[in-house]
Amino acid sequence: MPSAVALRGELVNVTAPVLLRVPSEGPADRTGPFSPGTYTALALLVGTIAVLGVCCNALLLALFVKFKRLQTPSNLLVANMSLSDLLGSLSGSGLTLGACMGHGWHWGPLACMWDGFANTLFGLVSIGSLSVLAWERCARVLATSDSRPCDLAWSLRAALATWMYALAWASPPVVGWNHYSLEAHGLGCSVDWRSRARVDCIYTGFLFLFCLTGPVMLMTYCYGSILLAVHRFRKLEALQAPQVVKARRFELQLSAVCLLMMLLFLLCWAPYAVASLLVASGLENVLSPPVSVVPALLAKSNAVCNPLLFLLMSGNVRAC
């Protein structure tokens, strides 16, 4: 039969250590499941991701601030996502790097709460920025002569809305609706997907619905509409003025870059979302610590991939 031990008044099942609840009192330390050599390799990998994430996003933000030609509505949303990735690289990757170097989590419960909150907040800002960017691209490509384009003021309001929306969904675990707990690999904290309490399950369900499924459906609709517009544009291209054709091609090229950023984001975050869904569904036993660390590292690598892709493929950035 499964055994349990009492820890400061709480029962902890010692046979299912996939996710550990951080106690309200006492240390939230845990010696991890990896060998010293594996911890060293993970530290090098996480350190590389953190350094590249900080450098790439800082460079993108510096270019956006310095060159006025880059200060467009679309680029403002990209810069907003880059800001969240920069902050995520500084906070989340830093604690994970320390856990790798210390061979386990030794930061305590408050640091665990901050790590989970920061990772959730900055991740939601990123997917929110991509969703709004998809909407802006769709509105821009499908715009008619009498439609009102999305300007900088609109993009600024939309960027602020992504932070407010992310804060609204990242805060409940801090105040008791679900909670942030140590993950299986012991290198970082996240929402407690393993909790079977009804209120906690409601929160994780809402999180999947409104912070993953909804944004993905919106982006799919927007880029699907853009692809249909491209098909119609090619048929009518010979009948349009050269200036119109050139401007439309530029918008479509930028939309293609944004589409690739969305696909790269989903590629990096989908394994983590699937792993979280498995744990939330009670199938956490299929995820050993070595397996669970791979989706977490892929998710962190997105902070490098998106700014690097934009820096390399955006024509305006290359011209600076």
Protein backbone atom coordinates (compact mmCIF):
# COMPACT_ATOMS: atom_id res chain seq x y z
CA MET A 1 0.00 0.00 0.00
CA PRO A 2 1.22 3.55 -0.62
CA SER A 3 2.85 5.04 2.43
CA ALA A 4 2.62 8.63 3.60
CA VAL A 5 4.59 10.75 5.99
CA ALA A 6 3.56 13.82 7.95
CA LEU A 7 5.35 17.05 7.10
CA ARG A 8 4.37 19.96 9.34
CA GLY A 9 0.81 18.75 9.58
CA GLU A 10 0.45 17.77 5.92
CA LEU A 11 0.43 14.26 4.44
CA VAL A 12 2.84 13.75 1.58
CA ASN A 13 2.61 10.61 -0.53
CA VAL A 14 6.18 9.36 -0.79
CA THR A 15 5.39 6.90 -3.56
CA ALA A 16 4.32 9.57 -6.09
CA PRO A 17 6.96 12.33 -6.05
CA VAL A 18 6.19 13.66 -9.51
CA LEU A 19 5.19 17.07 -8.20
CA LEU A 20 5.89 18.11 -4.61
CA ARG A 21 3.68 20.58 -2.82
CA VAL A 22 5.78 23.34 -1.37
CA PRO A 23 4.83 23.55 2.31
CA SER A 24 3.66 26.80 3.74
CA GLU A 25 6.41 26.65 6.32
CA GLY A 26 9.90 25.23 6.25
CA PRO A 27 12.32 24.78 3.36
CA ALA A 28 11.23 23.83 -0.12
CA ASP A 29 14.47 22.04 -0.84
CA ARG A 30 14.83 18.86 -2.78
CA THR A 31 17.81 16.82 -3.88
CA GLY A 32 17.21 16.05 -7.52
CA PRO A 33 17.14 12.74 -9.40
CA PHE A 34 20.08 13.30 -11.76
CA SER A 35 23.73 12.31 -11.60
CA PRO A 36 26.40 15.00 -11.02
CA GLY A 37 27.47 14.79 -14.66
CA THR A 38 23.90 15.27 -15.85
CA TYR A 39 23.49 18.29 -13.58
CA THR A 40 26.65 19.80 -15.07
CA ALA A 41 25.38 19.26 -18.61
CA LEU A 42 21.98 20.73 -17.67
CA ALA A 43 23.69 23.74 -16.08
CA LEU A 44 25.66 24.40 -19.27
CA LEU A 45 22.51 24.07 -21.38
CA VAL A 46 20.36 26.27 -19.15
CA GLY A 47 23.18 28.82 -18.85
CA THR A 48 23.52 28.97 -22.62
CA ILE A 49 19.77 29.45 -23.05
CA ALA A 50 19.76 32.19 -20.41
CA VAL A 51 22.71 34.10 -21.92
CA LEU A 52 21.39 33.85 -25.47
CA GLY A 53 17.90 34.79 -24.32
CA VAL A 54 19.14 37.91 -22.57
CA CYS A 55 21.44 38.94 -25.44
CA CYS A 56 19.00 38.34 -28.31
CA ASN A 57 16.03 40.01 -26.62
CA ALA A 58 18.12 42.93 -25.33
CA LEU A 59 19.45 43.48 -28.85
CA LEU A 60 15.96 43.41 -30.35
CA LEU A 61 14.66 45.89 -27.77
CA ALA A 62 17.69 48.17 -28.27
CA LEU A 63 17.13 48.22 -32.03
CA PHE A 64 13.44 48.97 -31.55
CA VAL A 65 14.21 51.93 -29.27
CA LYS A 66 17.09 53.30 -31.38
CA PHE A 67 15.63 53.16 -34.89
CA LYS A 68 12.40 55.00 -35.49
CA ARG A 69 11.76 53.06 -38.69
CA LEU A 70 11.30 49.94 -36.56
CA GLN A 71 8.68 51.54 -34.32
CA THR A 72 5.66 50.16 -36.15
CA PRO A 73 2.49 48.68 -34.61
CA SER A 74 3.59 45.14 -35.47
CA ASN A 75 7.10 45.61 -34.13
CA LEU A 76 5.75 47.09 -30.91
CA LEU A 77 3.95 43.82 -30.23
CA VAL A 78 7.11 41.88 -31.09
CA ALA A 79 9.05 44.11 -28.68
CA ASN A 80 6.43 43.43 -26.01
CA MET A 81 6.97 39.69 -26.42
CA SER A 82 10.73 40.23 -26.41
CA LEU A 83 10.46 42.12 -23.12
CA SER A 84 8.62 39.22 -21.50
CA ASP A 85 11.20 36.76 -22.87
CA LEU A 86 14.03 38.92 -21.55
CA LEU A 87 12.51 39.05 -18.07
CA GLY A 88 11.82 35.33 -18.21
CA SER A 89 15.45 34.62 -19.10
CA LEU A 90 16.66 36.76 -16.21
CA SER A 91 14.33 35.32 -13.58
CA GLY A 92 13.24 31.79 -14.40
CA SER A 93 16.41 30.58 -16.11
CA GLY A 94 18.53 32.07 -13.33
CA LEU A 95 16.80 30.04 -10.61
CA THR A 96 16.88 26.91 -12.75
CA LEU A 97 20.59 27.40 -13.38
CA GLY A 98 21.17 27.70 -9.64
CA ALA A 99 19.20 24.50 -9.06
CA CYS A 100 21.32 22.68 -11.64
CA MET A 101 24.54 23.90 -10.04
CA GLY A 102 23.25 22.99 -6.57
CA HIS A 103 22.05 19.53 -7.68
CA GLY A 104 18.47 20.24 -6.64
CA TRP A 105 16.10 22.96 -5.52
CA HIS A 106 17.48 24.80 -2.48
CA TRP A 107 15.85 28.20 -2.88
CA GLY A 108 12.95 27.80 -0.46
CA PRO A 109 9.15 28.16 -0.82
CA LEU A 110 9.01 31.87 -1.63
CA ALA A 111 11.50 31.47 -4.48
CA CYS A 112 9.45 28.51 -5.74
CA MET A 113 6.32 30.65 -5.74
CA TRP A 114 8.14 33.44 -7.59
CA ASP A 115 9.61 31.02 -10.12
CA GLY A 116 6.22 29.52 -10.90
CA PHE A 117 4.51 32.91 -11.01
CA ALA A 118 7.17 34.48 -13.24
CA ASN A 119 7.28 31.56 -15.68
CA THR A 120 3.49 31.58 -15.97
CA LEU A 121 3.25 35.36 -16.29
CA PHE A 122 5.93 35.78 -18.94
CA GLY A 123 4.78 32.74 -20.89
CA LEU A 124 1.22 34.06 -21.01
CA VAL A 125 2.43 37.50 -22.11
CA SER A 126 4.32 35.85 -24.98
CA ILE A 127 1.36 33.85 -26.26
CA GLY A 128 -0.90 36.87 -25.72
CA SER A 129 1.46 39.04 -27.79
CA LEU A 130 1.51 36.46 -30.58
CA SER A 131 -2.30 36.33 -30.54
CA VAL A 132 -2.68 40.09 -30.77
CA LEU A 133 0.05 40.19 -33.43
CA ALA A 134 -1.87 37.64 -35.49
CA TRP A 135 -5.00 39.79 -35.21
CA GLU A 136 -3.06 42.92 -36.21
CA ARG A 137 -1.51 41.14 -39.21
CA CYS A 138 -4.91 39.86 -40.29
CA ALA A 139 -6.47 43.33 -39.99
CA ARG A 140 -3.57 44.88 -41.89
CA VAL A 141 -3.54 42.39 -44.76
CA LEU A 142 -7.32 42.35 -45.14
CA ALA A 143 -7.67 46.13 -44.73
CA THR A 144 -9.73 48.00 -47.30
CA SER A 145 -9.35 51.62 -48.32
CA ASP A 146 -12.00 52.80 -45.85
CA SER A 147 -10.97 50.61 -42.88
CA ARG A 148 -9.15 52.04 -39.89
CA PRO A 149 -5.64 50.55 -39.55
CA CYS A 150 -4.09 49.48 -36.25
CA ASP A 151 -1.77 52.30 -35.19
CA LEU A 152 0.89 52.57 -32.48
CA ALA A 153 -1.64 53.69 -29.87
CA TRP A 154 -3.74 50.59 -30.57
CA SER A 155 -0.68 48.33 -30.30
CA LEU A 156 0.36 49.97 -27.04
CA ARG A 157 -3.07 49.39 -25.52
CA ALA A 158 -3.02 45.81 -26.79
CA ALA A 159 0.44 45.23 -25.27
CA LEU A 160 -0.73 46.52 -21.89
CA ALA A 161 -3.80 44.29 -22.17
CA THR A 162 -1.58 41.21 -22.61
CA TRP A 163 0.18 42.00 -19.31
CA MET A 164 -3.11 42.54 -17.49
CA TYR A 165 -4.58 39.33 -18.91
CA ALA A 166 -1.46 37.34 -18.01
CA LEU A 167 -1.38 38.83 -14.52
CA ALA A 168 -5.03 37.89 -14.00
CA TRP A 169 -4.29 34.23 -14.77
CA ALA A 170 -0.87 33.98 -13.09
CA SER A 171 -2.01 35.47 -9.77
CA PRO A 172 -4.67 32.96 -8.54
CA PRO A 173 -2.13 30.32 -7.39
CA VAL A 174 -0.43 33.01 -5.28
CA VAL A 175 -3.65 33.71 -3.38
CA GLY A 176 -4.80 30.11 -2.97
CA TRP A 177 -6.61 29.05 -6.14
CA ASN A 178 -4.26 26.19 -7.01
CA HIS A 179 -0.61 26.83 -6.05
CA TYR A 180 2.91 26.78 -7.43
CA SER A 181 4.89 23.63 -6.65
CA LEU A 182 8.14 21.94 -7.55
CA GLU A 183 8.12 20.02 -10.81
CA ALA A 184 9.23 16.41 -11.28
CA HIS A 185 12.78 17.31 -12.36
CA GLY A 186 13.31 19.47 -9.27
CA LEU A 187 14.77 22.37 -11.26
CA GLY A 188 11.84 24.76 -11.30
CA CYS A 189 8.28 25.38 -10.18
CA SER A 190 4.98 25.61 -11.98
CA VAL A 191 1.24 25.32 -11.46
CA ASP A 192 0.38 22.19 -9.49
CA TRP A 193 -1.02 20.12 -12.34
CA ARG A 194 -1.14 17.04 -10.10
CA SER A 195 -3.62 18.40 -7.56
CA ARG A 196 -6.96 16.56 -7.52
CA ALA A 197 -8.80 19.20 -5.50
CA ARG A 198 -11.87 20.32 -7.43
CA VAL A 199 -11.05 24.03 -7.25
CA ASP A 200 -7.50 23.35 -8.46
CA CYS A 201 -8.77 21.25 -11.37
CA ILE A 202 -11.16 24.04 -12.34
CA TYR A 203 -8.24 26.49 -12.45
CA THR A 204 -6.04 24.25 -14.61
CA GLY A 205 -8.99 23.60 -16.92
CA PHE A 206 -9.63 27.31 -17.34
CA LEU A 207 -5.91 27.88 -17.88
CA PHE A 208 -5.82 25.39 -20.75
CA LEU A 209 -9.03 26.79 -22.22
CA PHE A 210 -8.46 30.54 -22.03
CA CYS A 211 -4.65 30.74 -22.16
CA LEU A 212 -3.80 28.02 -24.68
CA THR A 213 -6.78 26.73 -26.67
CA GLY A 214 -8.37 30.14 -27.16
CA PRO A 215 -5.21 31.93 -28.35
CA VAL A 216 -4.27 29.05 -30.66
CA MET A 217 -7.74 29.09 -32.22
CA LEU A 218 -7.52 32.85 -32.73
CA MET A 219 -4.10 32.61 -34.36
CA THR A 220 -5.25 29.76 -36.58
CA TYR A 221 -8.23 31.78 -37.76
CA CYS A 222 -6.14 34.91 -38.43
CA TYR A 223 -3.35 33.20 -40.37
CA GLY A 224 -5.86 31.04 -42.21
CA SER A 225 -7.58 34.22 -43.35
CA ILE A 226 -4.23 35.64 -44.43
CA LEU A 227 -3.47 32.55 -46.52
CA LEU A 228 -6.84 32.89 -48.26
CA ALA A 229 -6.08 36.56 -48.89
CA VAL A 230 -2.73 35.62 -50.44
CA HIS A 231 -4.55 33.31 -52.85
CA ARG A 232 -6.94 36.09 -53.89
CA PHE A 233 -4.12 38.64 -54.09
CA ARG A 234 -2.15 36.57 -56.58
CA LYS A 235 -5.15 36.35 -58.87
CA LEU A 236 -5.65 40.14 -58.85
CA GLU A 237 -1.99 41.17 -58.73
CA ALA A 238 -1.77 41.95 -62.45
CA LEU A 239 -4.71 44.38 -62.17
CA GLN A 240 -3.28 46.46 -59.30
CA ALA A 241 -0.90 49.41 -59.29
CA PRO A 242 2.80 48.64 -58.69
CA GLN A 243 2.80 50.67 -55.45
CA VAL A 244 -0.13 48.67 -54.10
CA VAL A 245 1.49 45.39 -55.08
CA LYS A 246 4.78 46.36 -53.38
CA ALA A 247 3.07 47.45 -50.17
CA ARG A 248 0.92 44.32 -50.06
CA ARG A 249 3.94 42.09 -50.62
CA PHE A 250 5.73 43.76 -47.70
CA GLU A 251 2.77 43.13 -45.40
CA LEU A 252 2.60 39.51 -46.51
CA GLN A 253 6.33 39.00 -45.91
CA LEU A 254 6.02 40.38 -42.39
CA SER A 255 2.99 38.18 -41.82
CA ALA A 256 5.03 35.17 -42.91
CA VAL A 257 7.69 36.00 -40.31
CA CYS A 258 4.99 36.33 -37.63
CA LEU A 259 3.48 33.01 -38.71
CA LEU A 260 6.86 31.32 -38.32
CA MET A 261 7.22 32.87 -34.87
CA MET A 262 3.85 31.46 -33.88
CA LEU A 263 4.74 27.99 -35.20
CA LEU A 264 8.09 28.11 -33.39
CA PHE A 265 6.36 29.11 -30.17
CA LEU A 266 3.94 26.20 -30.46
CA LEU A 267 6.78 23.83 -31.29
CA CYS A 268 8.65 24.86 -28.14
CA TRP A 269 5.66 24.95 -25.81
CA ALA A 270 3.52 22.07 -27.13
CA PRO A 271 5.58 19.31 -25.42
CA TYR A 272 5.30 21.14 -22.09
CA ALA A 273 1.56 21.61 -22.58
CA VAL A 274 1.13 17.91 -23.39
CA ALA A 275 3.22 16.89 -20.36
CA SER A 276 1.16 19.19 -18.11
CA LEU A 277 -2.06 17.78 -19.54
CA LEU A 278 -0.87 14.23 -18.83
CA VAL A 279 -0.12 15.13 -15.22
CA ALA A 280 -3.46 16.93 -14.85
CA SER A 281 -5.19 13.82 -16.23
CA GLY A 282 -3.58 11.57 -13.61
CA LEU A 283 -0.99 10.03 -15.95
CA GLU A 284 2.05 11.55 -14.23
CA ASN A 285 3.67 8.13 -13.80
CA VAL A 286 4.58 8.06 -17.50
CA LEU A 287 6.78 11.13 -16.99
CA SER A 288 10.01 10.31 -15.22
CA PRO A 289 12.23 13.24 -14.13
CA PRO A 290 14.63 12.83 -17.09
CA VAL A 291 11.66 12.87 -19.46
CA SER A 292 9.92 15.82 -17.78
CA VAL A 293 12.99 18.06 -17.99
CA VAL A 294 13.01 17.97 -21.82
CA PRO A 295 9.68 19.85 -22.32
CA ALA A 296 10.71 22.39 -19.67
CA LEU A 297 14.00 23.14 -21.45
CA LEU A 298 12.23 23.36 -24.83
CA ALA A 299 9.82 25.92 -23.39
CA LYS A 300 12.70 27.99 -22.02
CA SER A 301 14.48 27.87 -25.40
CA ASN A 302 11.61 29.78 -27.00
CA ALA A 303 13.02 32.94 -25.38
CA VAL A 304 15.97 32.53 -27.77
CA CYS A 305 14.23 31.22 -30.89
CA ASN A 306 11.65 33.95 -31.46
CA PRO A 307 13.91 37.03 -31.23
CA LEU A 308 16.62 35.25 -33.23
CA LEU A 309 14.13 34.40 -35.97
CA PHE A 310 12.84 37.97 -36.11
CA LEU A 311 16.36 39.45 -36.15
CA LEU A 312 17.44 37.18 -39.01
CA MET A 313 14.31 37.29 -41.19
CA SER A 314 12.90 40.80 -40.76
CA GLY A 315 13.96 42.99 -43.69
CA ASN A 316 13.69 46.22 -41.69
CA VAL A 317 15.94 44.84 -38.93
CA ARG A 318 18.58 43.64 -41.39
CA ALA A 319 18.60 47.09 -42.99
CA CYS A 320 19.52 48.80 -39.70
